[in-house]
Amino acid sequence: MNYFDLNCRQCPRLATFLDEVKEKHPDYHARPVAPFGVDDPKLLVVGLAPGMHGANATGRPFTGDHAGILLYKALYKYGFSNQESAIRADDGLQLIDCRISNAVKCLPPANKPTGEEINVCNQFLSTELETLSPGTVILALGLVAHKAVIKALNLKQKDYAFGHGNTASMANGQWLIDSYHCSRYNTQTRRLTEKMFFDIFKKVHELINITI
């Protein structure tokens, strides 16, 4: 994959933080987390960054943390995976017509990457988006992912406002759909409900013509 580098250390703050995490948790992945899923997806889910005890620990996006509970439940319900839970990297989970990536591939302190770190990592997302076929739906989870996708496509931020359920047709034939991030905070405060999230996936299906 030329859109991922397991040995990337271009962001000094993140690289140093991962070194510290690895020292405290020797069994954790604690390195850049690769996108997960099929090579030619009909749906690309873009999250923010690996979670401390989730993807950063397991080495697979949204695996082993709270944010993955709703995401993988939705992916399973709408035919994009073979099981509805993601506990560890060797749990047998497989994605169908889907890939999951992140705007930032490394765990950031306090789950907050800097603007510079987001921009540095954008080169990988940009290359990844170039591999997608026309008609692919890109699902951006949260504002940071949304902005990262717009930047990676060399589009103007002012032309694409973030909003839950917002859908935009890209010039390259792809689609962008926004959702609030399925984080613990958003789901527990009910800023994002299960029904709201499932409605997003109904839109995804409408766009890519998958019959459930």
N, C-alpha and C. Protein backbone atom coordinates (compact mmCIF):
# COMPACT_ATOMS: atom_id res chain seq x y z
N MET A 1 0.85 -1.20 0.00
CA MET A 1 0.00 0.00 0.00
C MET A 1 0.88 1.25 0.00
N ASN A 2 0.77 2.05 -1.04
CA ASN A 2 1.55 3.27 -1.05
C ASN A 2 0.83 4.41 -0.34
N TYR A 3 -0.34 4.10 0.25
CA TYR A 3 -1.05 5.13 1.02
C TYR A 3 -0.95 4.87 2.52
N PHE A 4 0.07 4.12 2.90
CA PHE A 4 0.30 3.87 4.33
C PHE A 4 1.77 3.53 4.56
N ASP A 5 2.31 4.01 5.68
CA ASP A 5 3.70 3.72 6.05
C ASP A 5 3.74 3.35 7.53
N LEU A 6 3.94 2.07 7.80
CA LEU A 6 3.97 1.58 9.17
C LEU A 6 5.11 2.22 9.97
N ASN A 7 6.16 2.64 9.29
CA ASN A 7 7.33 3.18 9.97
C ASN A 7 7.38 4.71 9.94
N CYS A 8 6.27 5.35 9.58
CA CYS A 8 6.25 6.81 9.50
C CYS A 8 6.51 7.44 10.87
N ARG A 9 7.41 8.43 10.88
CA ARG A 9 7.70 9.21 12.08
C ARG A 9 7.84 10.69 11.72
N GLN A 10 7.00 11.12 10.77
CA GLN A 10 7.11 12.49 10.27
C GLN A 10 6.62 13.53 11.27
N CYS A 11 5.81 13.11 12.23
CA CYS A 11 5.30 14.05 13.24
C CYS A 11 6.00 13.75 14.57
N PRO A 12 6.97 14.56 14.97
CA PRO A 12 7.78 14.28 16.17
C PRO A 12 6.96 14.08 17.43
N ARG A 13 5.92 14.90 17.64
CA ARG A 13 5.11 14.78 18.85
C ARG A 13 4.41 13.42 18.89
N LEU A 14 3.85 13.00 17.77
CA LEU A 14 3.14 11.73 17.73
C LEU A 14 4.10 10.56 17.87
N ALA A 15 5.23 10.64 17.19
CA ALA A 15 6.21 9.55 17.25
C ALA A 15 6.72 9.37 18.67
N THR A 16 7.01 10.48 19.35
CA THR A 16 7.49 10.41 20.73
C THR A 16 6.41 9.86 21.65
N PHE A 17 5.18 10.28 21.43
CA PHE A 17 4.07 9.80 22.25
C PHE A 17 3.87 8.30 22.08
N LEU A 18 3.96 7.81 20.86
CA LEU A 18 3.81 6.38 20.62
C LEU A 18 4.94 5.59 21.29
N ASP A 19 6.13 6.15 21.29
CA ASP A 19 7.24 5.50 21.99
C ASP A 19 6.93 5.36 23.48
N GLU A 20 6.37 6.41 24.05
CA GLU A 20 6.02 6.40 25.48
C GLU A 20 4.91 5.40 25.76
N VAL A 21 3.92 5.35 24.88
CA VAL A 21 2.80 4.41 25.05
C VAL A 21 3.30 2.97 24.95
N LYS A 22 4.20 2.72 24.02
CA LYS A 22 4.74 1.37 23.84
C LYS A 22 5.52 0.93 25.07
N GLU A 23 6.17 1.87 25.71
CA GLU A 23 6.93 1.55 26.91
C GLU A 23 5.99 1.17 28.06
N LYS A 24 4.86 1.87 28.14
CA LYS A 24 3.89 1.59 29.20
C LYS A 24 3.05 0.35 28.88
N HIS A 25 2.81 0.12 27.59
CA HIS A 25 1.97 -1.01 27.15
C HIS A 25 2.72 -1.80 26.07
N PRO A 26 3.66 -2.64 26.48
CA PRO A 26 4.49 -3.36 25.50
C PRO A 26 3.71 -4.23 24.53
N ASP A 27 2.52 -4.66 24.93
CA ASP A 27 1.72 -5.54 24.07
C ASP A 27 0.82 -4.76 23.10
N TYR A 28 0.83 -3.44 23.17
CA TYR A 28 0.03 -2.62 22.26
C TYR A 28 0.72 -2.49 20.90
N HIS A 29 -0.08 -2.27 19.88
CA HIS A 29 0.46 -2.02 18.53
C HIS A 29 1.32 -0.76 18.55
N ALA A 30 0.76 0.35 19.02
CA ALA A 30 1.48 1.61 19.26
C ALA A 30 2.35 2.04 18.08
N ARG A 31 1.78 1.96 16.89
CA ARG A 31 2.45 2.43 15.67
C ARG A 31 1.35 2.98 14.76
N PRO A 32 1.70 3.55 13.62
CA PRO A 32 0.64 3.95 12.69
C PRO A 32 -0.30 2.78 12.39
N VAL A 33 -1.58 3.06 12.31
CA VAL A 33 -2.59 2.01 12.09
C VAL A 33 -3.03 2.03 10.63
N ALA A 34 -2.89 0.91 9.98
CA ALA A 34 -3.20 0.79 8.55
C ALA A 34 -4.70 0.80 8.29
N PRO A 35 -5.12 1.30 7.13
CA PRO A 35 -6.52 1.14 6.73
C PRO A 35 -6.85 -0.35 6.69
N PHE A 36 -8.12 -0.66 6.90
CA PHE A 36 -8.57 -2.05 6.99
C PHE A 36 -9.75 -2.28 6.06
N GLY A 37 -9.68 -3.33 5.24
CA GLY A 37 -10.79 -3.67 4.38
C GLY A 37 -10.35 -4.07 2.99
N VAL A 38 -11.26 -3.97 2.03
CA VAL A 38 -11.00 -4.45 0.67
C VAL A 38 -10.24 -3.41 -0.14
N ASP A 39 -9.61 -3.87 -1.22
CA ASP A 39 -8.79 -2.99 -2.06
C ASP A 39 -9.62 -2.02 -2.88
N ASP A 40 -10.79 -2.45 -3.34
CA ASP A 40 -11.63 -1.61 -4.19
C ASP A 40 -13.02 -1.47 -3.55
N PRO A 41 -13.11 -0.65 -2.52
CA PRO A 41 -14.36 -0.56 -1.76
C PRO A 41 -15.44 0.25 -2.46
N LYS A 42 -16.68 -0.06 -2.14
CA LYS A 42 -17.79 0.79 -2.55
C LYS A 42 -18.06 1.85 -1.48
N LEU A 43 -17.58 1.56 -0.26
CA LEU A 43 -17.71 2.50 0.86
C LEU A 43 -16.37 2.64 1.55
N LEU A 44 -15.90 3.88 1.69
CA LEU A 44 -14.71 4.16 2.49
C LEU A 44 -15.14 4.99 3.69
N VAL A 45 -14.94 4.44 4.89
CA VAL A 45 -15.24 5.14 6.12
C VAL A 45 -13.96 5.83 6.60
N VAL A 46 -14.04 7.12 6.87
CA VAL A 46 -12.87 7.87 7.34
C VAL A 46 -13.14 8.38 8.75
N GLY A 47 -12.36 7.91 9.70
CA GLY A 47 -12.47 8.36 11.08
C GLY A 47 -11.45 9.44 11.40
N LEU A 48 -11.30 9.73 12.67
CA LEU A 48 -10.37 10.77 13.11
C LEU A 48 -8.95 10.22 13.27
N ALA A 49 -8.77 9.34 14.25
CA ALA A 49 -7.44 8.80 14.56
C ALA A 49 -7.63 7.57 15.45
N PRO A 50 -6.61 6.74 15.59
CA PRO A 50 -6.71 5.57 16.47
C PRO A 50 -6.97 5.98 17.91
N GLY A 51 -7.76 5.18 18.63
CA GLY A 51 -8.01 5.40 20.05
C GLY A 51 -6.95 4.69 20.88
N MET A 52 -6.67 5.22 22.04
CA MET A 52 -5.61 4.69 22.91
C MET A 52 -5.74 3.18 23.15
N HIS A 53 -6.91 2.75 23.60
CA HIS A 53 -7.08 1.34 23.96
C HIS A 53 -7.90 0.58 22.91
N GLY A 54 -8.08 1.21 21.76
CA GLY A 54 -8.76 0.57 20.66
C GLY A 54 -7.79 0.24 19.54
N ALA A 55 -7.85 1.01 18.46
CA ALA A 55 -6.99 0.74 17.31
C ALA A 55 -5.51 0.83 17.66
N ASN A 56 -5.14 1.74 18.54
CA ASN A 56 -3.74 1.84 18.93
C ASN A 56 -3.25 0.58 19.63
N ALA A 57 -4.16 -0.09 20.32
CA ALA A 57 -3.80 -1.33 21.02
C ALA A 57 -3.86 -2.54 20.10
N THR A 58 -4.90 -2.60 19.27
CA THR A 58 -5.14 -3.80 18.45
C THR A 58 -4.51 -3.74 17.07
N GLY A 59 -4.23 -2.52 16.58
CA GLY A 59 -3.65 -2.38 15.26
C GLY A 59 -4.67 -2.40 14.14
N ARG A 60 -5.97 -2.31 14.47
CA ARG A 60 -7.01 -2.30 13.45
C ARG A 60 -8.03 -1.20 13.76
N PRO A 61 -8.42 -0.39 12.77
CA PRO A 61 -9.30 0.75 13.03
C PRO A 61 -10.59 0.37 13.77
N PHE A 62 -10.92 1.17 14.77
CA PHE A 62 -12.17 1.04 15.53
C PHE A 62 -12.35 -0.34 16.17
N THR A 63 -11.28 -0.99 16.47
CA THR A 63 -11.36 -2.34 17.05
C THR A 63 -10.95 -2.31 18.52
N GLY A 64 -11.87 -2.77 19.38
CA GLY A 64 -11.58 -2.85 20.80
C GLY A 64 -11.94 -1.61 21.59
N ASP A 65 -12.61 -0.64 20.95
CA ASP A 65 -12.98 0.56 21.70
C ASP A 65 -14.47 0.86 21.53
N HIS A 66 -14.94 1.83 22.29
CA HIS A 66 -16.37 2.15 22.31
C HIS A 66 -16.85 2.66 20.96
N ALA A 67 -16.04 3.45 20.28
CA ALA A 67 -16.47 4.03 19.00
C ALA A 67 -16.77 2.95 17.96
N GLY A 68 -16.10 1.81 18.10
CA GLY A 68 -16.32 0.74 17.14
C GLY A 68 -17.61 -0.02 17.33
N ILE A 69 -18.22 0.08 18.51
CA ILE A 69 -19.44 -0.69 18.79
C ILE A 69 -20.55 -0.35 17.79
N LEU A 70 -20.87 0.92 17.68
CA LEU A 70 -21.94 1.34 16.77
C LEU A 70 -21.51 1.21 15.31
N LEU A 71 -20.26 1.54 15.02
CA LEU A 71 -19.79 1.46 13.64
C LEU A 71 -19.91 0.05 13.08
N TYR A 72 -19.37 -0.92 13.80
CA TYR A 72 -19.38 -2.29 13.28
C TYR A 72 -20.78 -2.90 13.32
N LYS A 73 -21.60 -2.44 14.24
CA LYS A 73 -23.00 -2.89 14.25
C LYS A 73 -23.70 -2.43 12.97
N ALA A 74 -23.44 -1.18 12.59
CA ALA A 74 -24.05 -0.64 11.37
C ALA A 74 -23.48 -1.31 10.13
N LEU A 75 -22.18 -1.53 10.10
CA LEU A 75 -21.57 -2.19 8.94
C LEU A 75 -22.15 -3.59 8.75
N TYR A 76 -22.34 -4.30 9.83
CA TYR A 76 -22.91 -5.65 9.75
C TYR A 76 -24.38 -5.61 9.30
N LYS A 77 -25.14 -4.72 9.89
CA LYS A 77 -26.57 -4.61 9.59
C LYS A 77 -26.80 -4.30 8.11
N TYR A 78 -25.91 -3.49 7.54
CA TYR A 78 -26.10 -3.06 6.15
C TYR A 78 -25.20 -3.80 5.16
N GLY A 79 -24.70 -4.95 5.58
CA GLY A 79 -24.04 -5.86 4.64
C GLY A 79 -22.59 -5.57 4.31
N PHE A 80 -21.93 -4.75 5.13
CA PHE A 80 -20.55 -4.41 4.86
C PHE A 80 -19.53 -5.21 5.68
N SER A 81 -20.00 -6.13 6.52
CA SER A 81 -19.08 -6.96 7.29
C SER A 81 -19.74 -8.30 7.60
N ASN A 82 -18.93 -9.26 8.02
CA ASN A 82 -19.44 -10.60 8.30
C ASN A 82 -19.80 -10.81 9.76
N GLN A 83 -19.55 -9.81 10.61
CA GLN A 83 -19.93 -9.91 12.02
C GLN A 83 -20.08 -8.52 12.59
N GLU A 84 -20.83 -8.40 13.69
CA GLU A 84 -21.18 -7.06 14.18
C GLU A 84 -20.29 -6.54 15.30
N SER A 85 -19.27 -7.28 15.68
CA SER A 85 -18.38 -6.79 16.73
C SER A 85 -16.93 -6.91 16.29
N ALA A 86 -16.12 -6.02 16.85
CA ALA A 86 -14.68 -5.99 16.54
C ALA A 86 -13.93 -5.88 17.86
N ILE A 87 -13.40 -7.00 18.31
CA ILE A 87 -12.76 -7.05 19.63
C ILE A 87 -11.24 -7.01 19.53
N ARG A 88 -10.71 -7.78 18.59
CA ARG A 88 -9.25 -7.85 18.42
C ARG A 88 -8.95 -8.13 16.95
N ALA A 89 -7.70 -7.95 16.56
CA ALA A 89 -7.34 -8.04 15.15
C ALA A 89 -7.49 -9.44 14.56
N ASP A 90 -7.51 -10.47 15.41
CA ASP A 90 -7.60 -11.84 14.91
C ASP A 90 -8.97 -12.47 15.21
N ASP A 91 -10.01 -11.64 15.29
CA ASP A 91 -11.34 -12.15 15.66
C ASP A 91 -12.16 -12.66 14.48
N GLY A 92 -11.57 -12.69 13.29
CA GLY A 92 -12.26 -13.23 12.12
C GLY A 92 -13.11 -12.23 11.35
N LEU A 93 -13.11 -10.98 11.78
CA LEU A 93 -13.90 -9.96 11.11
C LEU A 93 -13.37 -9.70 9.70
N GLN A 94 -14.28 -9.64 8.75
CA GLN A 94 -13.94 -9.29 7.38
C GLN A 94 -14.93 -8.25 6.88
N LEU A 95 -14.42 -7.27 6.17
CA LEU A 95 -15.29 -6.25 5.58
C LEU A 95 -15.67 -6.66 4.16
N ILE A 96 -16.85 -6.22 3.74
CA ILE A 96 -17.40 -6.55 2.43
C ILE A 96 -17.65 -5.24 1.68
N ASP A 97 -16.98 -5.05 0.55
CA ASP A 97 -17.14 -3.83 -0.25
C ASP A 97 -16.85 -2.57 0.55
N CYS A 98 -16.03 -2.68 1.56
CA CYS A 98 -15.81 -1.56 2.49
C CYS A 98 -14.36 -1.51 2.97
N ARG A 99 -13.90 -0.30 3.24
CA ARG A 99 -12.60 -0.11 3.88
C ARG A 99 -12.73 1.01 4.90
N ILE A 100 -11.98 0.90 5.98
CA ILE A 100 -11.98 1.91 7.03
C ILE A 100 -10.59 2.52 7.13
N SER A 101 -10.53 3.84 7.16
CA SER A 101 -9.27 4.55 7.27
C SER A 101 -9.42 5.65 8.31
N ASN A 102 -8.37 6.42 8.51
CA ASN A 102 -8.40 7.55 9.45
C ASN A 102 -7.71 8.76 8.86
N ALA A 103 -8.16 9.93 9.28
CA ALA A 103 -7.52 11.16 8.83
C ALA A 103 -6.09 11.24 9.34
N VAL A 104 -5.87 10.74 10.56
CA VAL A 104 -4.54 10.68 11.17
C VAL A 104 -4.28 9.23 11.56
N LYS A 105 -3.15 8.70 11.15
CA LYS A 105 -2.91 7.26 11.31
C LYS A 105 -2.30 6.90 12.67
N CYS A 106 -1.85 7.90 13.43
CA CYS A 106 -1.22 7.64 14.73
C CYS A 106 -2.07 8.18 15.88
N LEU A 107 -1.99 7.51 17.01
CA LEU A 107 -2.67 7.97 18.22
C LEU A 107 -2.13 9.33 18.65
N PRO A 108 -3.01 10.34 18.78
CA PRO A 108 -2.56 11.65 19.27
C PRO A 108 -2.82 11.78 20.77
N PRO A 109 -2.00 12.53 21.49
CA PRO A 109 -2.28 12.78 22.90
C PRO A 109 -3.66 13.40 23.09
N ALA A 110 -4.41 12.89 24.07
CA ALA A 110 -5.75 13.40 24.38
C ALA A 110 -6.70 13.30 23.19
N ASN A 111 -6.38 12.42 22.25
CA ASN A 111 -7.21 12.22 21.06
C ASN A 111 -7.35 13.48 20.21
N LYS A 112 -6.36 14.39 20.30
CA LYS A 112 -6.45 15.65 19.57
C LYS A 112 -5.18 15.91 18.76
N PRO A 113 -5.20 15.56 17.48
CA PRO A 113 -4.05 15.88 16.63
C PRO A 113 -4.02 17.38 16.36
N THR A 114 -2.83 17.91 16.13
CA THR A 114 -2.72 19.33 15.77
C THR A 114 -3.05 19.50 14.30
N GLY A 115 -3.29 20.74 13.91
CA GLY A 115 -3.55 21.02 12.51
C GLY A 115 -2.40 20.60 11.62
N GLU A 116 -1.19 20.83 12.10
CA GLU A 116 0.00 20.45 11.32
C GLU A 116 0.06 18.94 11.13
N GLU A 117 -0.25 18.19 12.19
CA GLU A 117 -0.22 16.73 12.11
C GLU A 117 -1.27 16.20 11.14
N ILE A 118 -2.44 16.82 11.16
CA ILE A 118 -3.50 16.43 10.23
C ILE A 118 -3.05 16.69 8.79
N ASN A 119 -2.39 17.83 8.59
CA ASN A 119 -1.93 18.19 7.24
C ASN A 119 -0.81 17.26 6.76
N VAL A 120 0.10 16.91 7.64
CA VAL A 120 1.20 16.01 7.25
C VAL A 120 0.65 14.65 6.85
N CYS A 121 -0.31 14.15 7.61
CA CYS A 121 -0.87 12.82 7.36
C CYS A 121 -1.82 12.83 6.16
N ASN A 122 -2.21 14.01 5.72
CA ASN A 122 -3.16 14.10 4.62
C ASN A 122 -2.61 13.53 3.31
N GLN A 123 -1.28 13.46 3.20
CA GLN A 123 -0.68 12.90 1.99
C GLN A 123 -1.12 11.45 1.80
N PHE A 124 -1.26 10.72 2.90
CA PHE A 124 -1.66 9.31 2.81
C PHE A 124 -3.13 9.18 2.41
N LEU A 125 -3.97 10.03 3.00
CA LEU A 125 -5.38 10.00 2.66
C LEU A 125 -5.59 10.40 1.21
N SER A 126 -4.85 11.41 0.76
CA SER A 126 -4.96 11.86 -0.63
C SER A 126 -4.63 10.73 -1.60
N THR A 127 -3.55 10.02 -1.32
CA THR A 127 -3.15 8.90 -2.18
C THR A 127 -4.19 7.79 -2.12
N GLU A 128 -4.74 7.55 -0.95
CA GLU A 128 -5.76 6.52 -0.81
C GLU A 128 -7.01 6.86 -1.61
N LEU A 129 -7.44 8.11 -1.57
CA LEU A 129 -8.64 8.51 -2.30
C LEU A 129 -8.44 8.37 -3.80
N GLU A 130 -7.20 8.54 -4.25
CA GLU A 130 -6.91 8.40 -5.68
C GLU A 130 -7.12 6.97 -6.16
N THR A 131 -7.08 6.01 -5.24
CA THR A 131 -7.25 4.61 -5.63
C THR A 131 -8.72 4.21 -5.74
N LEU A 132 -9.63 5.07 -5.30
CA LEU A 132 -11.05 4.73 -5.28
C LEU A 132 -11.68 4.88 -6.65
N SER A 133 -12.63 4.02 -6.93
CA SER A 133 -13.34 4.06 -8.21
C SER A 133 -14.44 5.11 -8.19
N PRO A 134 -14.84 5.61 -9.37
CA PRO A 134 -16.01 6.49 -9.42
C PRO A 134 -17.22 5.77 -8.84
N GLY A 135 -18.05 6.51 -8.13
CA GLY A 135 -19.22 5.91 -7.49
C GLY A 135 -18.99 5.50 -6.05
N THR A 136 -17.72 5.49 -5.62
CA THR A 136 -17.42 5.15 -4.23
C THR A 136 -18.02 6.19 -3.29
N VAL A 137 -18.58 5.73 -2.20
CA VAL A 137 -19.11 6.62 -1.18
C VAL A 137 -18.07 6.77 -0.07
N ILE A 138 -17.76 8.00 0.27
CA ILE A 138 -16.84 8.30 1.36
C ILE A 138 -17.67 8.80 2.54
N LEU A 139 -17.60 8.09 3.65
CA LEU A 139 -18.33 8.47 4.85
C LEU A 139 -17.35 9.10 5.83
N ALA A 140 -17.51 10.40 6.08
CA ALA A 140 -16.63 11.12 6.99
C ALA A 140 -17.26 11.17 8.38
N LEU A 141 -16.57 10.61 9.35
CA LEU A 141 -17.06 10.60 10.73
C LEU A 141 -16.49 11.79 11.49
N GLY A 142 -17.25 12.85 11.54
CA GLY A 142 -16.83 14.02 12.30
C GLY A 142 -16.19 15.10 11.43
N LEU A 143 -16.05 16.28 12.02
CA LEU A 143 -15.56 17.45 11.30
C LEU A 143 -14.13 17.29 10.82
N VAL A 144 -13.26 16.75 11.66
CA VAL A 144 -11.85 16.61 11.27
C VAL A 144 -11.72 15.70 10.05
N ALA A 145 -12.43 14.58 10.06
CA ALA A 145 -12.38 13.66 8.92
C ALA A 145 -12.95 14.34 7.67
N HIS A 146 -14.05 15.06 7.84
CA HIS A 146 -14.66 15.78 6.72
C HIS A 146 -13.66 16.75 6.09
N LYS A 147 -13.03 17.58 6.92
CA LYS A 147 -12.08 18.56 6.40
C LYS A 147 -10.87 17.88 5.76
N ALA A 148 -10.45 16.75 6.34
CA ALA A 148 -9.31 16.02 5.78
C ALA A 148 -9.63 15.48 4.39
N VAL A 149 -10.85 14.99 4.21
CA VAL A 149 -11.26 14.49 2.89
C VAL A 149 -11.30 15.62 1.87
N ILE A 150 -11.88 16.74 2.25
CA ILE A 150 -11.95 17.89 1.34
C ILE A 150 -10.56 18.35 0.94
N LYS A 151 -9.66 18.42 1.90
CA LYS A 151 -8.28 18.82 1.62
C LYS A 151 -7.60 17.80 0.71
N ALA A 152 -7.81 16.52 1.00
CA ALA A 152 -7.16 15.46 0.21
C ALA A 152 -7.63 15.46 -1.24
N LEU A 153 -8.84 15.95 -1.47
CA LEU A 153 -9.39 16.02 -2.83
C LEU A 153 -9.08 17.36 -3.49
N ASN A 154 -8.31 18.20 -2.82
CA ASN A 154 -7.93 19.53 -3.33
C ASN A 154 -9.15 20.40 -3.63
N LEU A 155 -10.13 20.33 -2.74
CA LEU A 155 -11.33 21.14 -2.88
C LEU A 155 -11.32 22.27 -1.86
N LYS A 156 -12.20 23.23 -2.03
CA LYS A 156 -12.27 24.38 -1.13
C LYS A 156 -13.20 24.06 0.04
N GLN A 157 -12.69 24.27 1.26
CA GLN A 157 -13.47 23.97 2.46
C GLN A 157 -14.79 24.74 2.48
N LYS A 158 -14.77 25.97 2.02
CA LYS A 158 -15.99 26.81 2.10
C LYS A 158 -17.11 26.28 1.22
N ASP A 159 -16.77 25.45 0.26
CA ASP A 159 -17.79 24.90 -0.65
C ASP A 159 -18.46 23.64 -0.10
N TYR A 160 -17.93 23.11 1.00
CA TYR A 160 -18.43 21.84 1.54
C TYR A 160 -18.56 21.94 3.05
N ALA A 161 -19.68 22.45 3.51
CA ALA A 161 -19.90 22.60 4.95
C ALA A 161 -20.19 21.24 5.57
N PHE A 162 -19.66 21.03 6.78
CA PHE A 162 -19.94 19.79 7.49
C PHE A 162 -21.30 19.86 8.15
N GLY A 163 -22.03 18.75 8.09
CA GLY A 163 -23.30 18.65 8.78
C GLY A 163 -23.76 17.21 8.75
N HIS A 164 -24.31 16.74 9.85
CA HIS A 164 -24.74 15.34 9.89
C HIS A 164 -25.77 15.08 8.79
N GLY A 165 -25.48 14.12 7.93
CA GLY A 165 -26.38 13.79 6.84
C GLY A 165 -26.11 14.55 5.55
N ASN A 166 -25.23 15.54 5.61
CA ASN A 166 -24.91 16.27 4.38
C ASN A 166 -24.31 15.33 3.35
N THR A 167 -24.75 15.47 2.11
CA THR A 167 -24.27 14.63 1.02
C THR A 167 -23.83 15.51 -0.13
N ALA A 168 -22.66 15.21 -0.67
CA ALA A 168 -22.13 16.00 -1.78
C ALA A 168 -21.60 15.09 -2.87
N SER A 169 -21.85 15.49 -4.11
CA SER A 169 -21.33 14.77 -5.27
C SER A 169 -19.99 15.38 -5.65
N MET A 170 -18.96 14.56 -5.73
CA MET A 170 -17.64 15.03 -6.07
C MET A 170 -17.45 15.02 -7.60
N ALA A 171 -16.55 15.86 -8.09
CA ALA A 171 -16.32 15.95 -9.53
C ALA A 171 -15.77 14.65 -10.11
N ASN A 172 -15.12 13.85 -9.27
CA ASN A 172 -14.54 12.60 -9.75
C ASN A 172 -15.54 11.44 -9.75
N GLY A 173 -16.81 11.75 -9.47
CA GLY A 173 -17.84 10.73 -9.49
C GLY A 173 -18.06 10.05 -8.16
N GLN A 174 -17.30 10.43 -7.15
CA GLN A 174 -17.48 9.87 -5.82
C GLN A 174 -18.48 10.70 -5.03
N TRP A 175 -18.92 10.15 -3.91
CA TRP A 175 -19.86 10.83 -3.03
C TRP A 175 -19.25 11.03 -1.65
N LEU A 176 -19.60 12.11 -1.01
CA LEU A 176 -19.18 12.35 0.37
C LEU A 176 -20.42 12.50 1.24
N ILE A 177 -20.47 11.71 2.30
CA ILE A 177 -21.56 11.80 3.28
C ILE A 177 -20.94 12.06 4.65
N ASP A 178 -21.53 13.00 5.38
CA ASP A 178 -21.05 13.34 6.72
C ASP A 178 -21.91 12.66 7.79
N SER A 179 -21.25 12.31 8.88
CA SER A 179 -21.96 11.86 10.08
C SER A 179 -21.22 12.38 11.30
N TYR A 180 -21.98 12.61 12.37
CA TYR A 180 -21.30 12.84 13.63
C TYR A 180 -20.48 11.59 13.94
N HIS A 181 -19.35 11.78 14.59
CA HIS A 181 -18.49 10.66 14.95
C HIS A 181 -19.20 9.76 15.97
N CYS A 182 -19.00 8.46 15.81
CA CYS A 182 -19.64 7.49 16.72
C CYS A 182 -18.83 7.30 18.00
N SER A 183 -18.38 8.40 18.56
CA SER A 183 -17.57 8.38 19.79
C SER A 183 -18.44 8.09 21.00
N ARG A 184 -17.79 7.72 22.09
CA ARG A 184 -18.51 7.49 23.34
C ARG A 184 -19.29 8.74 23.76
N TYR A 185 -18.65 9.90 23.65
CA TYR A 185 -19.31 11.14 24.06
C TYR A 185 -20.57 11.39 23.22
N ASN A 186 -20.45 11.26 21.91
CA ASN A 186 -21.60 11.56 21.05
C ASN A 186 -22.74 10.57 21.23
N THR A 187 -22.42 9.30 21.44
CA THR A 187 -23.50 8.32 21.60
C THR A 187 -24.12 8.38 22.99
N GLN A 188 -23.32 8.64 24.02
CA GLN A 188 -23.87 8.69 25.37
C GLN A 188 -24.69 9.97 25.60
N THR A 189 -24.32 11.06 24.95
CA THR A 189 -25.10 12.30 25.07
C THR A 189 -26.25 12.31 24.07
N ARG A 190 -26.30 11.29 23.23
CA ARG A 190 -27.33 11.13 22.21
C ARG A 190 -27.31 12.23 21.17
N ARG A 191 -26.15 12.84 21.03
CA ARG A 191 -25.97 13.72 19.86
C ARG A 191 -26.07 12.86 18.60
N LEU A 192 -25.58 11.62 18.72
CA LEU A 192 -25.72 10.64 17.64
C LEU A 192 -26.43 9.42 18.20
N THR A 193 -27.63 9.15 17.69
CA THR A 193 -28.37 7.97 18.11
C THR A 193 -28.15 6.85 17.10
N GLU A 194 -28.53 5.64 17.52
CA GLU A 194 -28.41 4.51 16.62
C GLU A 194 -29.23 4.73 15.35
N LYS A 195 -30.44 5.24 15.51
CA LYS A 195 -31.29 5.48 14.35
C LYS A 195 -30.66 6.50 13.41
N MET A 196 -30.09 7.56 13.95
CA MET A 196 -29.44 8.57 13.12
C MET A 196 -28.30 7.95 12.31
N PHE A 197 -27.54 7.09 12.95
CA PHE A 197 -26.40 6.47 12.29
C PHE A 197 -26.86 5.48 11.22
N PHE A 198 -27.88 4.71 11.55
CA PHE A 198 -28.42 3.76 10.58
C PHE A 198 -29.00 4.48 9.36
N ASP A 199 -29.60 5.65 9.60
CA ASP A 199 -30.14 6.42 8.48
C ASP A 199 -29.03 6.84 7.51
N ILE A 200 -27.85 7.11 8.05
CA ILE A 200 -26.71 7.44 7.19
C ILE A 200 -26.39 6.26 6.27
N PHE A 201 -26.42 5.06 6.83
CA PHE A 201 -26.09 3.88 6.04
C PHE A 201 -27.18 3.56 5.02
N LYS A 202 -28.41 3.94 5.31
CA LYS A 202 -29.46 3.81 4.30
C LYS A 202 -29.15 4.70 3.11
N LYS A 203 -28.64 5.91 3.39
CA LYS A 203 -28.25 6.82 2.31
C LYS A 203 -27.10 6.23 1.50
N VAL A 204 -26.17 5.62 2.21
CA VAL A 204 -25.03 4.98 1.53
C VAL A 204 -25.54 3.95 0.53
N HIS A 205 -26.45 3.12 0.97
CA HIS A 205 -27.00 2.08 0.10
C HIS A 205 -27.74 2.66 -1.10
N GLU A 206 -28.45 3.74 -0.88
CA GLU A 206 -29.14 4.37 -1.99
C GLU A 206 -28.16 4.84 -3.06
N LEU A 207 -27.02 5.32 -2.63
CA LEU A 207 -26.05 5.87 -3.57
C LEU A 207 -25.27 4.80 -4.33
N ILE A 208 -24.99 3.70 -3.68
CA ILE A 208 -24.18 2.69 -4.36
C ILE A 208 -25.02 1.51 -4.86
N ASN A 209 -26.34 1.65 -4.75
CA ASN A 209 -27.24 0.66 -5.35
C ASN A 209 -26.99 -0.76 -4.85
N ILE A 210 -26.80 -0.90 -3.56
CA ILE A 210 -26.70 -2.24 -2.97
C ILE A 210 -28.07 -2.60 -2.43
N THR A 211 -28.56 -3.75 -2.84
CA THR A 211 -29.86 -4.21 -2.35
C THR A 211 -29.67 -5.04 -1.11
N ILE A 212 -30.32 -4.64 -0.04
CA ILE A 212 -30.20 -5.36 1.22
C ILE A 212 -31.13 -6.57 1.20
